[in-house]
Amino acid sequence: MTTRTATRLTEIAADHLDPDAARRWLALLRPAVQLVPAGPGDPVVARLGGTPDLPPGIEWPQWPGQGRLSFVVELDLAALAATGADAGITLPAEGRLLGFYFEPDGDGRVVLSGDPDTVPGSRLLHVTGTGPAADPAAELTAMQTLTWPDDEHPALEDEGLEELPDPFWDELGDLREEDLGSDSWGRQVGGWADPVQASVELETAELRLGAATYDDVHREEALRWRPLLQIDSDWADGTAWEPADCLYWLARTDGAVPFQVPDDVGFTWQC
């Protein structure tokens, strides 16, 4: 069971923030679906690794001049919907989302969020009429959870919450570690991302607008992006994608309007 519940987060906010700041911060919380190992009888909503079932006419994604992409994740949209879990973002109603990422071998190029020329190094496909991926390294089920914006996110600035006290963030960090474990960023659908470094939405804005210092244009663009899929690496079970500690696909949407793959999808990774 997740420890990131409304009751627990309300208690933490009340302990560290004045009532008005607590109210504004709690209003920012977003539901998300935490992806955790599936046990016997659990509905499988996602698979990591293995070989995806690609529809006729869809070739394995390649980065021209660099090579074949690695298959990372399959999200079964119908299976997820059947659980009733709320990702806080409107997803396509059927099919599967298939995430691919180019792993550098030491000689090739590296996917960089600020370099538009490396966009072909990641891909998210929406396919229908296909079966589950074969021989996955891990099968995951859905767990409802709550998430919050990271301490550098522009959403906090919009609410006048950019100077929240360190003990507040420390307790949130302890709660996160209690839920996910140390040195883990988790696997999730929707919600707010859990970045290894800076806000992933700002990195995605750089990819759309070009690298720049933090300014109002990039801040406004960042606020248009919603985390879609977050997949961290786990070297212990063979689901790791070099050199990333965590991979992030994002959708350019307000959360209520369905996004279009691939037009409204961005990608970044952090380590």
C-alpha atoms as a PDB file:
ATOM      1  CA  MET A   1       0.000   0.000   0.000  1.00  0.00           C
ATOM      2  CA  THR A   2       1.247   3.483  -0.823  1.00  0.00           C
ATOM      3  CA  THR A   3       2.121   5.767   2.070  1.00  0.00           C
ATOM      4  CA  ARG A   4       1.472   8.872  -0.031  1.00  0.00           C
ATOM      5  CA  THR A   5      -2.143   9.340   1.048  1.00  0.00           C
ATOM      6  CA  ALA A   6      -4.250  12.483   1.397  1.00  0.00           C
ATOM      7  CA  THR A   7      -4.386  12.003   5.159  1.00  0.00           C
ATOM      8  CA  ARG A   8      -0.618  11.702   5.559  1.00  0.00           C
ATOM      9  CA  LEU A   9       0.126  14.633   3.252  1.00  0.00           C
ATOM     10  CA  THR A  10      -2.434  16.829   4.999  1.00  0.00           C
ATOM     11  CA  GLU A  11      -0.747  16.069   8.328  1.00  0.00           C
ATOM     12  CA  ILE A  12       2.701  16.954   6.970  1.00  0.00           C
ATOM     13  CA  ALA A  13       1.427  20.221   5.479  1.00  0.00           C
ATOM     14  CA  ALA A  14      -0.286  21.172   8.761  1.00  0.00           C
ATOM     15  CA  ASP A  15       2.901  20.449  10.728  1.00  0.00           C
ATOM     16  CA  HIS A  16       5.138  22.718   8.632  1.00  0.00           C
ATOM     17  CA  LEU A  17       3.037  25.309   6.776  1.00  0.00           C
ATOM     18  CA  ASP A  18       0.662  28.063   7.794  1.00  0.00           C
ATOM     19  CA  PRO A  19      -2.989  27.236   6.997  1.00  0.00           C
ATOM     20  CA  ASP A  20      -3.130  29.294   3.796  1.00  0.00           C
ATOM     21  CA  ALA A  21       0.112  27.858   2.382  1.00  0.00           C
ATOM     22  CA  ALA A  22      -1.019  24.350   3.361  1.00  0.00           C
ATOM     23  CA  ARG A  23      -4.308  24.840   1.525  1.00  0.00           C
ATOM     24  CA  ARG A  24      -2.565  26.097  -1.623  1.00  0.00           C
ATOM     25  CA  TRP A  25       0.012  23.281  -1.581  1.00  0.00           C
ATOM     26  CA  LEU A  26      -2.590  20.556  -1.035  1.00  0.00           C
ATOM     27  CA  ALA A  27      -4.581  21.918  -3.973  1.00  0.00           C
ATOM     28  CA  LEU A  28      -1.568  21.117  -6.198  1.00  0.00           C
ATOM     29  CA  LEU A  29      -1.570  17.399  -5.388  1.00  0.00           C
ATOM     30  CA  ARG A  30      -2.224  15.103  -8.335  1.00  0.00           C
ATOM     31  CA  PRO A  31      -3.293  11.476  -8.384  1.00  0.00           C
ATOM     32  CA  ALA A  32      -0.968   9.052 -10.139  1.00  0.00           C
ATOM     33  CA  VAL A  33      -0.725   5.332 -10.771  1.00  0.00           C
ATOM     34  CA  GLN A  34       2.302   3.774  -9.135  1.00  0.00           C
ATOM     35  CA  LEU A  35       3.543   0.739 -11.092  1.00  0.00           C
ATOM     36  CA  VAL A  36       4.655  -2.028  -8.737  1.00  0.00           C
ATOM     37  CA  PRO A  37       5.581  -5.702  -9.246  1.00  0.00           C
ATOM     38  CA  ALA A  38       2.490  -7.786  -9.981  1.00  0.00           C
ATOM     39  CA  GLY A  39       1.755 -10.666  -7.660  1.00  0.00           C
ATOM     40  CA  PRO A  40      -0.344 -13.777  -8.328  1.00  0.00           C
ATOM     41  CA  GLY A  41      -3.823 -12.725  -9.425  1.00  0.00           C
ATOM     42  CA  ASP A  42      -2.929  -9.034  -9.824  1.00  0.00           C
ATOM     43  CA  PRO A  43      -3.989  -7.378 -13.100  1.00  0.00           C
ATOM     44  CA  VAL A  44      -0.909  -6.707 -15.244  1.00  0.00           C
ATOM     45  CA  VAL A  45      -1.096  -3.150 -16.598  1.00  0.00           C
ATOM     46  CA  ALA A  46       2.536  -2.694 -17.717  1.00  0.00           C
ATOM     47  CA  ARG A  47       5.542  -4.745 -18.781  1.00  0.00           C
ATOM     48  CA  LEU A  48       9.221  -3.840 -18.834  1.00  0.00           C
ATOM     49  CA  GLY A  49      11.564  -5.205 -21.475  1.00  0.00           C
ATOM     50  CA  GLY A  50      10.929  -8.243 -23.622  1.00  0.00           C
ATOM     51  CA  THR A  51       9.677  -8.101 -27.206  1.00  0.00           C
ATOM     52  CA  PRO A  52       6.620  -5.991 -28.047  1.00  0.00           C
ATOM     53  CA  ASP A  53       3.935  -7.184 -30.437  1.00  0.00           C
ATOM     54  CA  LEU A  54       4.153  -4.651 -33.265  1.00  0.00           C
ATOM     55  CA  PRO A  55       1.247  -4.329 -35.725  1.00  0.00           C
ATOM     56  CA  PRO A  56       1.809  -5.215 -39.391  1.00  0.00           C
ATOM     57  CA  GLY A  57       3.602  -2.408 -41.172  1.00  0.00           C
ATOM     58  CA  ILE A  58       5.154  -0.963 -37.995  1.00  0.00           C
ATOM     59  CA  GLU A  59       8.911  -1.506 -37.976  1.00  0.00           C
ATOM     60  CA  TRP A  60      11.102  -1.593 -34.897  1.00  0.00           C
ATOM     61  CA  PRO A  61      12.072   2.015 -34.109  1.00  0.00           C
ATOM     62  CA  GLN A  62      15.531   3.065 -35.254  1.00  0.00           C
ATOM     63  CA  TRP A  63      17.648   6.178 -34.858  1.00  0.00           C
ATOM     64  CA  PRO A  64      18.921   6.757 -38.407  1.00  0.00           C
ATOM     65  CA  GLY A  65      22.683   6.582 -38.444  1.00  0.00           C
ATOM     66  CA  GLN A  66      22.848   5.338 -34.840  1.00  0.00           C
ATOM     67  CA  GLY A  67      20.924   2.078 -34.650  1.00  0.00           C
ATOM     68  CA  ARG A  68      18.071   0.187 -33.089  1.00  0.00           C
ATOM     69  CA  LEU A  69      16.283   1.547 -29.993  1.00  0.00           C
ATOM     70  CA  SER A  70      15.841  -0.555 -26.862  1.00  0.00           C
ATOM     71  CA  PHE A  71      12.315  -1.516 -25.860  1.00  0.00           C
ATOM     72  CA  VAL A  72      11.604  -0.164 -22.368  1.00  0.00           C
ATOM     73  CA  VAL A  73       7.940  -0.297 -21.409  1.00  0.00           C
ATOM     74  CA  GLU A  74       4.477  -1.349 -22.520  1.00  0.00           C
ATOM     75  CA  LEU A  75       1.427   0.243 -20.886  1.00  0.00           C
ATOM     76  CA  ASP A  76      -1.794  -1.702 -21.462  1.00  0.00           C
ATOM     77  CA  LEU A  77      -4.371   1.083 -21.578  1.00  0.00           C
ATOM     78  CA  ALA A  78      -7.452  -1.134 -21.369  1.00  0.00           C
ATOM     79  CA  ALA A  79      -6.046  -3.116 -18.434  1.00  0.00           C
ATOM     80  CA  LEU A  80      -5.171   0.096 -16.620  1.00  0.00           C
ATOM     81  CA  ALA A  81      -8.647   1.554 -17.208  1.00  0.00           C
ATOM     82  CA  ALA A  82     -10.237  -1.643 -15.881  1.00  0.00           C
ATOM     83  CA  THR A  83      -8.516  -1.169 -12.507  1.00  0.00           C
ATOM     84  CA  GLY A  84     -10.291   2.171 -11.992  1.00  0.00           C
ATOM     85  CA  ALA A  85      -7.017   3.797 -10.923  1.00  0.00           C
ATOM     86  CA  ASP A  86      -6.761   7.543 -11.605  1.00  0.00           C
ATOM     87  CA  ALA A  87      -3.592   8.742 -13.334  1.00  0.00           C
ATOM     88  CA  GLY A  88      -4.709  12.367 -13.245  1.00  0.00           C
ATOM     89  CA  ILE A  89      -4.328  12.585 -17.009  1.00  0.00           C
ATOM     90  CA  THR A  90      -6.657  11.587 -19.855  1.00  0.00           C
ATOM     91  CA  LEU A  91      -5.211   8.591 -21.687  1.00  0.00           C
ATOM     92  CA  PRO A  92      -6.213   7.045 -25.021  1.00  0.00           C
ATOM     93  CA  ALA A  93      -9.111   4.671 -24.472  1.00  0.00           C
ATOM     94  CA  GLU A  94      -7.611   1.545 -26.022  1.00  0.00           C
ATOM     95  CA  GLY A  95      -4.425  -0.093 -27.198  1.00  0.00           C
ATOM     96  CA  ARG A  96      -0.931   0.034 -25.755  1.00  0.00           C
ATOM     97  CA  LEU A  97       1.731   2.661 -25.323  1.00  0.00           C
ATOM     98  CA  LEU A  98       5.179   1.318 -26.230  1.00  0.00           C
ATOM     99  CA  GLY A  99       8.233   3.246 -25.050  1.00  0.00           C
ATOM    100  CA  PHE A 100      11.658   2.924 -26.720  1.00  0.00           C
ATOM    101  CA  TYR A 101      15.002   4.549 -25.895  1.00  0.00           C
ATOM    102  CA  PHE A 102      18.456   4.535 -27.536  1.00  0.00           C
ATOM    103  CA  GLU A 103      21.182   3.200 -25.266  1.00  0.00           C
ATOM    104  CA  PRO A 104      24.601   4.558 -26.300  1.00  0.00           C
ATOM    105  CA  ASP A 105      27.341   1.974 -26.709  1.00  0.00           C
ATOM    106  CA  GLY A 106      30.194   4.399 -26.068  1.00  0.00           C
ATOM    107  CA  ASP A 107      30.656   5.395 -29.709  1.00  0.00           C
ATOM    108  CA  GLY A 108      27.191   6.649 -30.650  1.00  0.00           C
ATOM    109  CA  ARG A 109      25.354   9.817 -29.795  1.00  0.00           C
ATOM    110  CA  VAL A 110      23.444  10.369 -26.569  1.00  0.00           C
ATOM    111  CA  VAL A 111      19.819  11.524 -26.345  1.00  0.00           C
ATOM    112  CA  LEU A 112      19.852  15.009 -24.813  1.00  0.00           C
ATOM    113  CA  SER A 113      16.784  16.982 -23.794  1.00  0.00           C
ATOM    114  CA  GLY A 114      18.263  20.248 -25.060  1.00  0.00           C
ATOM    115  CA  ASP A 115      19.299  18.899 -28.484  1.00  0.00           C
ATOM    116  CA  PRO A 116      16.444  18.560 -31.027  1.00  0.00           C
ATOM    117  CA  ASP A 117      18.738  16.513 -33.302  1.00  0.00           C
ATOM    118  CA  THR A 118      18.577  13.650 -30.792  1.00  0.00           C
ATOM    119  CA  VAL A 119      14.758  13.394 -30.744  1.00  0.00           C
ATOM    120  CA  PRO A 120      14.856  10.183 -32.858  1.00  0.00           C
ATOM    121  CA  GLY A 121      16.653   8.526 -29.930  1.00  0.00           C
ATOM    122  CA  SER A 122      13.379   8.024 -28.087  1.00  0.00           C
ATOM    123  CA  ARG A 123       9.961   6.946 -29.290  1.00  0.00           C
ATOM    124  CA  LEU A 124       6.499   6.385 -27.901  1.00  0.00           C
ATOM    125  CA  LEU A 125       4.123   4.391 -30.082  1.00  0.00           C
ATOM    126  CA  HIS A 126       0.389   3.976 -29.591  1.00  0.00           C
ATOM    127  CA  VAL A 127      -0.643   0.640 -31.087  1.00  0.00           C
ATOM    128  CA  THR A 128      -3.984  -1.177 -31.182  1.00  0.00           C
ATOM    129  CA  GLY A 129      -4.995  -4.733 -31.940  1.00  0.00           C
ATOM    130  CA  THR A 130      -1.818  -6.256 -30.504  1.00  0.00           C
ATOM    131  CA  GLY A 131      -1.043  -8.743 -27.770  1.00  0.00           C
ATOM    132  CA  PRO A 132       1.197  -8.324 -24.736  1.00  0.00           C
ATOM    133  CA  ALA A 133       4.980  -8.118 -25.010  1.00  0.00           C
ATOM    134  CA  ALA A 134       6.693 -11.510 -24.971  1.00  0.00           C
ATOM    135  CA  ASP A 135       9.210 -12.540 -22.296  1.00  0.00           C
ATOM    136  CA  PRO A 136       9.106  -9.316 -20.256  1.00  0.00           C
ATOM    137  CA  ALA A 137      11.736  -8.757 -17.573  1.00  0.00           C
ATOM    138  CA  ALA A 138       9.037  -7.522 -15.180  1.00  0.00           C
ATOM    139  CA  GLU A 139       5.242  -7.361 -15.007  1.00  0.00           C
ATOM    140  CA  LEU A 140       3.669  -4.471 -13.114  1.00  0.00           C
ATOM    141  CA  THR A 141       0.290  -3.768 -11.575  1.00  0.00           C
ATOM    142  CA  ALA A 142      -1.413  -0.504 -10.594  1.00  0.00           C
ATOM    143  CA  MET A 143      -1.475   1.162  -7.187  1.00  0.00           C
ATOM    144  CA  GLN A 144      -3.220   4.480  -6.544  1.00  0.00           C
ATOM    145  CA  THR A 145      -1.033   7.199  -5.064  1.00  0.00           C
ATOM    146  CA  LEU A 146      -0.695  10.978  -4.712  1.00  0.00           C
ATOM    147  CA  THR A 147       2.145  13.148  -5.985  1.00  0.00           C
ATOM    148  CA  TRP A 148       3.381  16.723  -5.571  1.00  0.00           C
ATOM    149  CA  PRO A 149       5.523  19.118  -7.652  1.00  0.00           C
ATOM    150  CA  ASP A 150       9.261  19.044  -6.961  1.00  0.00           C
ATOM    151  CA  ASP A 151      10.820  21.898  -5.000  1.00  0.00           C
ATOM    152  CA  GLU A 152      12.010  23.766  -8.140  1.00  0.00           C
ATOM    153  CA  HIS A 153       8.828  23.396 -10.155  1.00  0.00           C
ATOM    154  CA  PRO A 154       7.359  26.591 -11.663  1.00  0.00           C
ATOM    155  CA  ALA A 155       3.907  25.543 -10.419  1.00  0.00           C
ATOM    156  CA  LEU A 156       5.073  26.409  -6.902  1.00  0.00           C
ATOM    157  CA  GLU A 157       6.171  29.856  -8.037  1.00  0.00           C
ATOM    158  CA  ASP A 158       2.729  30.449  -9.534  1.00  0.00           C
ATOM    159  CA  GLU A 159       1.197  29.762  -6.121  1.00  0.00           C
ATOM    160  CA  GLY A 160       3.752  31.802  -4.161  1.00  0.00           C
ATOM    161  CA  LEU A 161       5.135  28.608  -2.599  1.00  0.00           C
ATOM    162  CA  GLU A 162       8.722  28.724  -3.835  1.00  0.00           C
ATOM    163  CA  GLU A 163      10.140  29.294  -0.310  1.00  0.00           C
ATOM    164  CA  LEU A 164       8.690  26.365   1.612  1.00  0.00           C
ATOM    165  CA  PRO A 165      10.761  25.360   4.665  1.00  0.00           C
ATOM    166  CA  ASP A 166      13.466  22.692   4.446  1.00  0.00           C
ATOM    167  CA  PRO A 167      11.935  20.496   7.199  1.00  0.00           C
ATOM    168  CA  PHE A 168       8.776  20.248   5.087  1.00  0.00           C
ATOM    169  CA  TRP A 169      10.730  18.981   2.075  1.00  0.00           C
ATOM    170  CA  ASP A 170      12.770  16.681   4.315  1.00  0.00           C
ATOM    171  CA  GLU A 171       9.632  14.987   5.620  1.00  0.00           C
ATOM    172  CA  LEU A 172       8.243  14.635   2.110  1.00  0.00           C
ATOM    173  CA  GLY A 173      11.551  13.051   1.101  1.00  0.00           C
ATOM    174  CA  ASP A 174      11.282  10.602   3.995  1.00  0.00           C
ATOM    175  CA  LEU A 175       7.733   9.733   2.922  1.00  0.00           C
ATOM    176  CA  ARG A 176       8.836   9.177  -0.643  1.00  0.00           C
ATOM    177  CA  GLU A 177      11.706   6.943   0.491  1.00  0.00           C
ATOM    178  CA  GLU A 178       9.313   5.015   2.746  1.00  0.00           C
ATOM    179  CA  ASP A 179       7.115   4.374  -0.288  1.00  0.00           C
ATOM    180  CA  LEU A 180       9.716   3.743  -3.003  1.00  0.00           C
ATOM    181  CA  GLY A 181      12.903   2.838  -1.163  1.00  0.00           C
ATOM    182  CA  SER A 182      16.219   4.644  -1.154  1.00  0.00           C
ATOM    183  CA  ASP A 183      17.911   5.497  -4.469  1.00  0.00           C
ATOM    184  CA  SER A 184      14.692   4.748  -6.343  1.00  0.00           C
ATOM    185  CA  TRP A 185      12.538   7.171  -8.324  1.00  0.00           C
ATOM    186  CA  GLY A 186       9.737   4.776  -9.047  1.00  0.00           C
ATOM    187  CA  ARG A 187       7.635   3.753 -12.024  1.00  0.00           C
ATOM    188  CA  GLN A 188       4.396   5.643 -12.500  1.00  0.00           C
ATOM    189  CA  VAL A 189       1.734   6.865 -14.888  1.00  0.00           C
ATOM    190  CA  GLY A 190       0.619  10.501 -14.704  1.00  0.00           C
ATOM    191  CA  GLY A 191       0.841  12.682 -11.606  1.00  0.00           C
ATOM    192  CA  TRP A 192       3.859  14.879 -10.934  1.00  0.00           C
ATOM    193  CA  ALA A 193       7.240  13.487 -11.923  1.00  0.00           C
ATOM    194  CA  ASP A 194       9.828  12.570  -9.318  1.00  0.00           C
ATOM    195  CA  PRO A 195      12.969  14.073 -10.899  1.00  0.00           C
ATOM    196  CA  VAL A 196      16.494  12.880 -10.205  1.00  0.00           C
ATOM    197  CA  GLN A 197      17.723  16.409 -10.910  1.00  0.00           C
ATOM    198  CA  ALA A 198      15.715  19.439 -12.085  1.00  0.00           C
ATOM    199  CA  SER A 199      12.064  19.608 -13.138  1.00  0.00           C
ATOM    200  CA  VAL A 200      11.557  17.375 -16.165  1.00  0.00           C
ATOM    201  CA  GLU A 201       8.940  19.755 -17.550  1.00  0.00           C
ATOM    202  CA  LEU A 202      11.576  22.495 -17.858  1.00  0.00           C
ATOM    203  CA  GLU A 203      13.884  20.141 -19.732  1.00  0.00           C
ATOM    204  CA  THR A 204      11.042  19.240 -22.090  1.00  0.00           C
ATOM    205  CA  ALA A 205      10.323  22.929 -22.675  1.00  0.00           C
ATOM    206  CA  GLU A 206      13.968  23.356 -23.720  1.00  0.00           C
ATOM    207  CA  LEU A 207      13.513  20.654 -26.328  1.00  0.00           C
ATOM    208  CA  ARG A 208      10.459  22.425 -27.775  1.00  0.00           C
ATOM    209  CA  LEU A 209      11.829  25.996 -27.592  1.00  0.00           C
ATOM    210  CA  GLY A 210      15.598  25.525 -27.587  1.00  0.00           C
ATOM    211  CA  ALA A 211      17.992  25.712 -24.644  1.00  0.00           C
ATOM    212  CA  ALA A 212      17.901  28.973 -22.718  1.00  0.00           C
ATOM    213  CA  THR A 213      18.303  30.361 -19.282  1.00  0.00           C
ATOM    214  CA  TYR A 214      15.217  30.098 -17.104  1.00  0.00           C
ATOM    215  CA  ASP A 215      12.768  32.715 -18.377  1.00  0.00           C
ATOM    216  CA  ASP A 216       9.009  33.343 -18.529  1.00  0.00           C
ATOM    217  CA  VAL A 217       8.649  31.790 -21.978  1.00  0.00           C
ATOM    218  CA  HIS A 218      10.242  28.511 -20.905  1.00  0.00           C
ATOM    219  CA  ARG A 219       8.369  28.547 -17.600  1.00  0.00           C
ATOM    220  CA  GLU A 220       5.012  28.916 -19.380  1.00  0.00           C
ATOM    221  CA  GLU A 221       5.915  26.167 -21.836  1.00  0.00           C
ATOM    222  CA  ALA A 222       6.937  23.864 -18.982  1.00  0.00           C
ATOM    223  CA  LEU A 223       3.514  24.310 -17.389  1.00  0.00           C
ATOM    224  CA  ARG A 224       1.896  22.937 -20.561  1.00  0.00           C
ATOM    225  CA  TRP A 225       3.542  19.522 -20.089  1.00  0.00           C
ATOM    226  CA  ARG A 226       2.262  16.669 -17.930  1.00  0.00           C
ATOM    227  CA  PRO A 227       4.355  13.638 -16.934  1.00  0.00           C
ATOM    228  CA  LEU A 228       2.966  10.602 -18.724  1.00  0.00           C
ATOM    229  CA  LEU A 229       5.298   7.684 -18.010  1.00  0.00           C
ATOM    230  CA  GLN A 230       8.181   7.563 -15.556  1.00  0.00           C
ATOM    231  CA  ILE A 231      10.373   4.442 -15.558  1.00  0.00           C
ATOM    232  CA  ASP A 232      13.408   4.191 -13.317  1.00  0.00           C
ATOM    233  CA  SER A 233      16.288   1.784 -13.843  1.00  0.00           C
ATOM    234  CA  ASP A 234      16.811  -1.248 -11.654  1.00  0.00           C
ATOM    235  CA  TRP A 235      20.087  -3.019 -12.299  1.00  0.00           C
ATOM    236  CA  ALA A 236      19.096  -5.799  -9.859  1.00  0.00           C
ATOM    237  CA  ASP A 237      16.240  -7.144 -12.000  1.00  0.00           C
ATOM    238  CA  GLY A 238      17.706  -6.336 -15.422  1.00  0.00           C
ATOM    239  CA  THR A 239      15.430  -3.381 -16.159  1.00  0.00           C
ATOM    240  CA  ALA A 240      18.069  -0.682 -16.528  1.00  0.00           C
ATOM    241  CA  TRP A 241      18.695   1.580 -19.493  1.00  0.00           C
ATOM    242  CA  GLU A 242      22.182   3.101 -19.677  1.00  0.00           C
ATOM    243  CA  PRO A 243      23.137   5.707 -18.643  1.00  0.00           C
ATOM    244  CA  ALA A 244      19.788   6.787 -17.196  1.00  0.00           C
ATOM    245  CA  ASP A 245      18.605   6.422 -13.625  1.00  0.00           C
ATOM    246  CA  CYS A 246      15.131   7.413 -14.798  1.00  0.00           C
ATOM    247  CA  LEU A 247      13.357   7.856 -18.137  1.00  0.00           C
ATOM    248  CA  TYR A 248      10.455  10.283 -18.559  1.00  0.00           C
ATOM    249  CA  TRP A 249       7.864  10.592 -21.317  1.00  0.00           C
ATOM    250  CA  LEU A 250       5.623  13.667 -21.080  1.00  0.00           C
ATOM    251  CA  ALA A 251       2.415  14.753 -22.814  1.00  0.00           C
ATOM    252  CA  ARG A 252       1.655  18.318 -23.885  1.00  0.00           C
ATOM    253  CA  THR A 253      -1.865  18.563 -22.452  1.00  0.00           C
ATOM    254  CA  ASP A 254      -3.853  20.185 -19.677  1.00  0.00           C
ATOM    255  CA  GLY A 255      -4.620  16.709 -18.374  1.00  0.00           C
ATOM    256  CA  ALA A 256      -8.267  16.768 -19.461  1.00  0.00           C
ATOM    257  CA  VAL A 257      -7.779  16.735 -23.243  1.00  0.00           C
ATOM    258  CA  PRO A 258      -6.450  13.512 -24.820  1.00  0.00           C
ATOM    259  CA  PHE A 259      -2.968  13.950 -26.256  1.00  0.00           C
ATOM    260  CA  GLN A 260      -1.825  12.771 -29.681  1.00  0.00           C
ATOM    261  CA  VAL A 261       1.079  10.356 -30.128  1.00  0.00           C
ATOM    262  CA  PRO A 262       3.666  11.338 -31.246  1.00  0.00           C
ATOM    263  CA  ASP A 263       2.866  15.002 -31.871  1.00  0.00           C
ATOM    264  CA  ASP A 264       2.283  15.956 -28.247  1.00  0.00           C
ATOM    265  CA  VAL A 265       4.856  13.710 -26.568  1.00  0.00           C
ATOM    266  CA  GLY A 266       8.220  14.787 -25.177  1.00  0.00           C
ATOM    267  CA  PHE A 267      11.050  12.843 -23.557  1.00  0.00           C
ATOM    268  CA  THR A 268      13.961  13.366 -21.213  1.00  0.00           C
ATOM    269  CA  TRP A 269      16.147  11.268 -18.922  1.00  0.00           C
ATOM    270  CA  GLN A 270      18.163  12.024 -15.809  1.00  0.00           C
ATOM    271  CA  CYS A 271      20.894  10.357 -13.814  1.00  0.00           C
END
